[in-house]
Amino acid sequence: AIAFKDLLAAAAAGIYLIFLQPYTI
């Protein structure tokens, strides 16, 4: 619950960054 809280938060943020692309490579 503690460890995967950050992991799930990172995944949710990653989905946002990949689809909306506020920055790119």
PDB file of all heavy atoms in Angstrom:
ATOM      1  N   ALA A   1       0.826  -1.212   0.000  1.00  0.00           N
ATOM      2  CA  ALA A   1       0.000   0.000   0.000  1.00  0.00           C
ATOM      3  C   ALA A   1       0.855   1.254   0.000  1.00  0.00           C
ATOM      4  O   ALA A   1       0.526   2.254  -0.639  1.00  0.00           O
ATOM      5  CB  ALA A   1      -0.917  -0.011   1.215  1.00  0.00           C
ATOM      6  N   ILE A   2       1.996   1.183   0.718  1.00  0.00           N
ATOM      7  CA  ILE A   2       2.885   2.352   0.782  1.00  0.00           C
ATOM      8  C   ILE A   2       3.710   2.482  -0.491  1.00  0.00           C
ATOM      9  O   ILE A   2       3.803   3.553  -1.103  1.00  0.00           O
ATOM     10  CB  ILE A   2       3.807   2.251   2.008  1.00  0.00           C
ATOM     11  CG1 ILE A   2       2.969   2.292   3.287  1.00  0.00           C
ATOM     12  CG2 ILE A   2       4.835   3.372   2.004  1.00  0.00           C
ATOM     13  CD1 ILE A   2       3.766   2.053   4.555  1.00  0.00           C
ATOM     14  N   ALA A   3       4.321   1.337  -0.904  1.00  0.00           N
ATOM     15  CA  ALA A   3       5.228   1.383  -2.049  1.00  0.00           C
ATOM     16  C   ALA A   3       4.492   1.633  -3.356  1.00  0.00           C
ATOM     17  O   ALA A   3       4.909   2.469  -4.176  1.00  0.00           O
ATOM     18  CB  ALA A   3       6.015   0.072  -2.132  1.00  0.00           C
ATOM     19  N   PHE A   4       3.396   0.940  -3.551  1.00  0.00           N
ATOM     20  CA  PHE A   4       2.703   1.047  -4.828  1.00  0.00           C
ATOM     21  C   PHE A   4       1.851   2.301  -4.938  1.00  0.00           C
ATOM     22  O   PHE A   4       1.349   2.609  -6.009  1.00  0.00           O
ATOM     23  CB  PHE A   4       1.856  -0.203  -5.071  1.00  0.00           C
ATOM     24  CG  PHE A   4       2.668  -1.404  -5.431  1.00  0.00           C
ATOM     25  CD1 PHE A   4       2.989  -2.346  -4.470  1.00  0.00           C
ATOM     26  CD2 PHE A   4       3.151  -1.576  -6.722  1.00  0.00           C
ATOM     27  CE1 PHE A   4       3.752  -3.450  -4.802  1.00  0.00           C
ATOM     28  CE2 PHE A   4       3.912  -2.668  -7.052  1.00  0.00           C
ATOM     29  CZ  PHE A   4       4.222  -3.617  -6.094  1.00  0.00           C
ATOM     30  N   LYS A   5       1.711   3.006  -3.825  1.00  0.00           N
ATOM     31  CA  LYS A   5       1.033   4.305  -3.905  1.00  0.00           C
ATOM     32  C   LYS A   5       1.811   5.233  -4.838  1.00  0.00           C
ATOM     33  O   LYS A   5       1.241   5.844  -5.744  1.00  0.00           O
ATOM     34  CB  LYS A   5       0.933   4.923  -2.510  1.00  0.00           C
ATOM     35  CG  LYS A   5       0.361   6.332  -2.502  1.00  0.00           C
ATOM     36  CD  LYS A   5       0.204   6.818  -1.082  1.00  0.00           C
ATOM     37  CE  LYS A   5       1.572   7.008  -0.419  1.00  0.00           C
ATOM     38  NZ  LYS A   5       2.363   8.101  -1.040  1.00  0.00           N
ATOM     39  N   ASP A   6       3.135   5.283  -4.637  1.00  0.00           N
ATOM     40  CA  ASP A   6       3.969   6.100  -5.520  1.00  0.00           C
ATOM     41  C   ASP A   6       4.037   5.502  -6.923  1.00  0.00           C
ATOM     42  O   ASP A   6       4.064   6.233  -7.919  1.00  0.00           O
ATOM     43  CB  ASP A   6       5.384   6.223  -4.949  1.00  0.00           C
ATOM     44  CG  ASP A   6       5.427   7.094  -3.705  1.00  0.00           C
ATOM     45  OD1 ASP A   6       4.480   7.878  -3.512  1.00  0.00           O
ATOM     46  OD2 ASP A   6       6.398   6.984  -2.938  1.00  0.00           O
ATOM     47  N   LEU A   7       4.054   4.158  -7.002  1.00  0.00           N
ATOM     48  CA  LEU A   7       4.128   3.516  -8.311  1.00  0.00           C
ATOM     49  C   LEU A   7       2.878   3.803  -9.130  1.00  0.00           C
ATOM     50  O   LEU A   7       2.959   4.138 -10.327  1.00  0.00           O
ATOM     51  CB  LEU A   7       4.306   2.003  -8.132  1.00  0.00           C
ATOM     52  CG  LEU A   7       4.620   1.188  -9.390  1.00  0.00           C
ATOM     53  CD1 LEU A   7       5.955   1.613  -9.974  1.00  0.00           C
ATOM     54  CD2 LEU A   7       4.629  -0.298  -9.069  1.00  0.00           C
ATOM     55  N   LEU A   8       1.714   3.705  -8.497  1.00  0.00           N
ATOM     56  CA  LEU A   8       0.463   3.983  -9.200  1.00  0.00           C
ATOM     57  C   LEU A   8       0.351   5.467  -9.548  1.00  0.00           C
ATOM     58  O   LEU A   8      -0.147   5.826 -10.628  1.00  0.00           O
ATOM     59  CB  LEU A   8      -0.725   3.553  -8.342  1.00  0.00           C
ATOM     60  CG  LEU A   8      -0.874   2.040  -8.116  1.00  0.00           C
ATOM     61  CD1 LEU A   8      -2.001   1.751  -7.147  1.00  0.00           C
ATOM     62  CD2 LEU A   8      -1.099   1.327  -9.435  1.00  0.00           C
ATOM     63  N   ALA A   9       0.842   6.309  -8.627  1.00  0.00           N
ATOM     64  CA  ALA A   9       0.835   7.742  -8.918  1.00  0.00           C
ATOM     65  C   ALA A   9       1.734   8.057 -10.105  1.00  0.00           C
ATOM     66  O   ALA A   9       1.386   8.867 -10.973  1.00  0.00           O
ATOM     67  CB  ALA A   9       1.276   8.521  -7.684  1.00  0.00           C
ATOM     68  N   ALA A  10       2.902   7.386 -10.160  1.00  0.00           N
ATOM     69  CA  ALA A  10       3.813   7.594 -11.283  1.00  0.00           C
ATOM     70  C   ALA A  10       3.190   7.115 -12.587  1.00  0.00           C
ATOM     71  O   ALA A  10       3.337   7.755 -13.639  1.00  0.00           O
ATOM     72  CB  ALA A  10       5.139   6.864 -11.024  1.00  0.00           C
ATOM     73  N   ALA A  11       2.479   5.974 -12.545  1.00  0.00           N
ATOM     74  CA  ALA A  11       1.839   5.452 -13.743  1.00  0.00           C
ATOM     75  C   ALA A  11       0.733   6.378 -14.229  1.00  0.00           C
ATOM     76  O   ALA A  11       0.601   6.639 -15.441  1.00  0.00           O
ATOM     77  CB  ALA A  11       1.275   4.055 -13.474  1.00  0.00           C
ATOM     78  N   ALA A  12      -0.070   6.894 -13.291  1.00  0.00           N
ATOM     79  CA  ALA A  12      -1.148   7.819 -13.678  1.00  0.00           C
ATOM     80  C   ALA A  12      -0.570   9.087 -14.308  1.00  0.00           C
ATOM     81  O   ALA A  12      -1.070   9.579 -15.340  1.00  0.00           O
ATOM     82  CB  ALA A  12      -1.988   8.168 -12.462  1.00  0.00           C
ATOM     83  N   ALA A  13       0.504   9.612 -13.696  1.00  0.00           N
ATOM     84  CA  ALA A  13       1.151  10.798 -14.261  1.00  0.00           C
ATOM     85  C   ALA A  13       1.775  10.483 -15.611  1.00  0.00           C
ATOM     86  O   ALA A  13       1.744  11.311 -16.538  1.00  0.00           O
ATOM     87  CB  ALA A  13       2.213  11.319 -13.292  1.00  0.00           C
ATOM     88  N   GLY A  14       2.331   9.257 -15.744  1.00  0.00           N
ATOM     89  CA  GLY A  14       2.945   8.861 -17.016  1.00  0.00           C
ATOM     90  C   GLY A  14       1.933   8.809 -18.142  1.00  0.00           C
ATOM     91  O   GLY A  14       2.235   9.201 -19.282  1.00  0.00           O
ATOM     92  N   ILE A  15       0.734   8.305 -17.851  1.00  0.00           N
ATOM     93  CA  ILE A  15      -0.327   8.263 -18.865  1.00  0.00           C
ATOM     94  C   ILE A  15      -0.655   9.681 -19.340  1.00  0.00           C
ATOM     95  O   ILE A  15      -0.799   9.945 -20.541  1.00  0.00           O
ATOM     96  CB  ILE A  15      -1.577   7.558 -18.305  1.00  0.00           C
ATOM     97  CG1 ILE A  15      -1.273   6.071 -18.053  1.00  0.00           C
ATOM     98  CG2 ILE A  15      -2.754   7.703 -19.267  1.00  0.00           C
ATOM     99  CD1 ILE A  15      -2.384   5.330 -17.349  1.00  0.00           C
ATOM    100  N   TYR A  16      -0.752  10.597 -18.390  1.00  0.00           N
ATOM    101  CA  TYR A  16      -1.041  11.998 -18.736  1.00  0.00           C
ATOM    102  C   TYR A  16       0.073  12.574 -19.612  1.00  0.00           C
ATOM    103  O   TYR A  16      -0.192  13.207 -20.651  1.00  0.00           O
ATOM    104  CB  TYR A  16      -1.179  12.811 -17.447  1.00  0.00           C
ATOM    105  CG  TYR A  16      -1.265  14.300 -17.686  1.00  0.00           C
ATOM    106  CD1 TYR A  16      -2.478  14.906 -18.005  1.00  0.00           C
ATOM    107  CD2 TYR A  16      -0.126  15.092 -17.585  1.00  0.00           C
ATOM    108  CE1 TYR A  16      -2.554  16.271 -18.224  1.00  0.00           C
ATOM    109  CE2 TYR A  16      -0.194  16.464 -17.802  1.00  0.00           C
ATOM    110  CZ  TYR A  16      -1.404  17.048 -18.128  1.00  0.00           C
ATOM    111  OH  TYR A  16      -1.473  18.396 -18.345  1.00  0.00           O
ATOM    112  N   LEU A  17       1.334  12.333 -19.223  1.00  0.00           N
ATOM    113  CA  LEU A  17       2.466  12.906 -19.959  1.00  0.00           C
ATOM    114  C   LEU A  17       2.597  12.306 -21.355  1.00  0.00           C
ATOM    115  O   LEU A  17       2.928  13.005 -22.324  1.00  0.00           O
ATOM    116  CB  LEU A  17       3.761  12.680 -19.175  1.00  0.00           C
ATOM    117  CG  LEU A  17       3.872  13.406 -17.829  1.00  0.00           C
ATOM    118  CD1 LEU A  17       5.139  12.982 -17.102  1.00  0.00           C
ATOM    119  CD2 LEU A  17       3.848  14.919 -18.035  1.00  0.00           C
ATOM    120  N   ILE A  18       2.318  11.010 -21.483  1.00  0.00           N
ATOM    121  CA  ILE A  18       2.463  10.339 -22.785  1.00  0.00           C
ATOM    122  C   ILE A  18       1.371  10.796 -23.758  1.00  0.00           C
ATOM    123  O   ILE A  18       1.640  11.043 -24.938  1.00  0.00           O
ATOM    124  CB  ILE A  18       2.439   8.806 -22.600  1.00  0.00           C
ATOM    125  CG1 ILE A  18       3.721   8.343 -21.887  1.00  0.00           C
ATOM    126  CG2 ILE A  18       2.289   8.099 -23.942  1.00  0.00           C
ATOM    127  CD1 ILE A  18       3.718   6.885 -21.486  1.00  0.00           C
ATOM    128  N   PHE A  19       0.150  10.936 -23.259  1.00  0.00           N
ATOM    129  CA  PHE A  19      -0.949  11.284 -24.166  1.00  0.00           C
ATOM    130  C   PHE A  19      -1.023  12.789 -24.451  1.00  0.00           C
ATOM    131  O   PHE A  19      -1.256  13.194 -25.584  1.00  0.00           O
ATOM    132  CB  PHE A  19      -2.282  10.801 -23.581  1.00  0.00           C
ATOM    133  CG  PHE A  19      -2.524   9.332 -23.799  1.00  0.00           C
ATOM    134  CD1 PHE A  19      -2.203   8.411 -22.819  1.00  0.00           C
ATOM    135  CD2 PHE A  19      -3.050   8.867 -24.992  1.00  0.00           C
ATOM    136  CE1 PHE A  19      -2.412   7.054 -23.023  1.00  0.00           C
ATOM    137  CE2 PHE A  19      -3.261   7.522 -25.203  1.00  0.00           C
ATOM    138  CZ  PHE A  19      -2.936   6.605 -24.213  1.00  0.00           C
ATOM    139  N   LEU A  20      -0.807  13.621 -23.446  1.00  0.00           N
ATOM    140  CA  LEU A  20      -0.918  15.068 -23.662  1.00  0.00           C
ATOM    141  C   LEU A  20       0.395  15.705 -24.092  1.00  0.00           C
ATOM    142  O   LEU A  20       0.393  16.796 -24.665  1.00  0.00           O
ATOM    143  CB  LEU A  20      -1.444  15.746 -22.395  1.00  0.00           C
ATOM    144  CG  LEU A  20      -2.857  15.337 -21.974  1.00  0.00           C
ATOM    145  CD1 LEU A  20      -3.315  16.152 -20.772  1.00  0.00           C
ATOM    146  CD2 LEU A  20      -3.851  15.504 -23.117  1.00  0.00           C
ATOM    147  N   GLN A  21       1.499  15.040 -23.795  1.00  0.00           N
ATOM    148  CA  GLN A  21       2.831  15.475 -24.241  1.00  0.00           C
ATOM    149  C   GLN A  21       3.103  16.963 -23.970  1.00  0.00           C
ATOM    150  O   GLN A  21       3.291  17.759 -24.910  1.00  0.00           O
ATOM    151  CB  GLN A  21       3.014  15.179 -25.731  1.00  0.00           C
ATOM    152  CG  GLN A  21       3.009  13.703 -26.048  1.00  0.00           C
ATOM    153  CD  GLN A  21       3.314  13.414 -27.519  1.00  0.00           C
ATOM    154  OE1 GLN A  21       3.283  14.306 -28.364  1.00  0.00           O
ATOM    155  NE2 GLN A  21       3.624  12.178 -27.809  1.00  0.00           N
ATOM    156  N   PRO A  22       3.146  17.376 -22.708  1.00  0.00           N
ATOM    157  CA  PRO A  22       3.551  18.755 -22.410  1.00  0.00           C
ATOM    158  C   PRO A  22       4.999  19.009 -22.789  1.00  0.00           C
ATOM    159  O   PRO A  22       5.416  20.151 -22.933  1.00  0.00           O
ATOM    160  CB  PRO A  22       3.324  18.867 -20.899  1.00  0.00           C
ATOM    161  CG  PRO A  22       3.407  17.460 -20.398  1.00  0.00           C
ATOM    162  CD  PRO A  22       2.835  16.607 -21.489  1.00  0.00           C
ATOM    163  N   TYR A  23       5.778  17.947 -22.908  1.00  0.00           N
ATOM    164  CA  TYR A  23       7.140  18.037 -23.444  1.00  0.00           C
ATOM    165  C   TYR A  23       7.424  16.734 -24.182  1.00  0.00           C
ATOM    166  O   TYR A  23       6.797  15.696 -23.928  1.00  0.00           O
ATOM    167  CB  TYR A  23       8.176  18.278 -22.337  1.00  0.00           C
ATOM    168  CG  TYR A  23       8.114  17.266 -21.204  1.00  0.00           C
ATOM    169  CD1 TYR A  23       8.733  16.024 -21.303  1.00  0.00           C
ATOM    170  CD2 TYR A  23       7.429  17.576 -20.024  1.00  0.00           C
ATOM    171  CE1 TYR A  23       8.682  15.113 -20.268  1.00  0.00           C
ATOM    172  CE2 TYR A  23       7.377  16.664 -18.980  1.00  0.00           C
ATOM    173  CZ  TYR A  23       8.006  15.443 -19.113  1.00  0.00           C
ATOM    174  OH  TYR A  23       7.946  14.537 -18.084  1.00  0.00           O
ATOM    175  N   THR A  24       8.362  16.776 -25.118  1.00  0.00           N
ATOM    176  CA  THR A  24       8.709  15.607 -25.921  1.00  0.00           C
ATOM    177  C   THR A  24      10.221  15.425 -25.917  1.00  0.00           C
ATOM    178  O   THR A  24      10.969  16.250 -25.385  1.00  0.00           O
ATOM    179  CB  THR A  24       8.214  15.757 -27.371  1.00  0.00           C
ATOM    180  OG1 THR A  24       8.824  16.926 -27.947  1.00  0.00           O
ATOM    181  CG2 THR A  24       6.710  15.878 -27.429  1.00  0.00           C
ATOM    182  N   ILE A  25      10.652  14.336 -26.505  1.00  0.00           N
ATOM    183  CA  ILE A  25      12.087  14.041 -26.586  1.00  0.00           C
ATOM    184  C   ILE A  25      12.791  15.164 -27.340  1.00  0.00           C
ATOM    185  O   ILE A  25      12.358  15.587 -28.411  1.00  0.00           O
ATOM    186  CB  ILE A  25      12.315  12.690 -27.279  1.00  0.00           C
ATOM    187  CG1 ILE A  25      11.729  11.556 -26.425  1.00  0.00           C
ATOM    188  CG2 ILE A  25      13.804  12.439 -27.521  1.00  0.00           C
ATOM    189  CD1 ILE A  25      11.781  10.204 -27.069  1.00  0.00           C
TER     190      ILE A  25
END
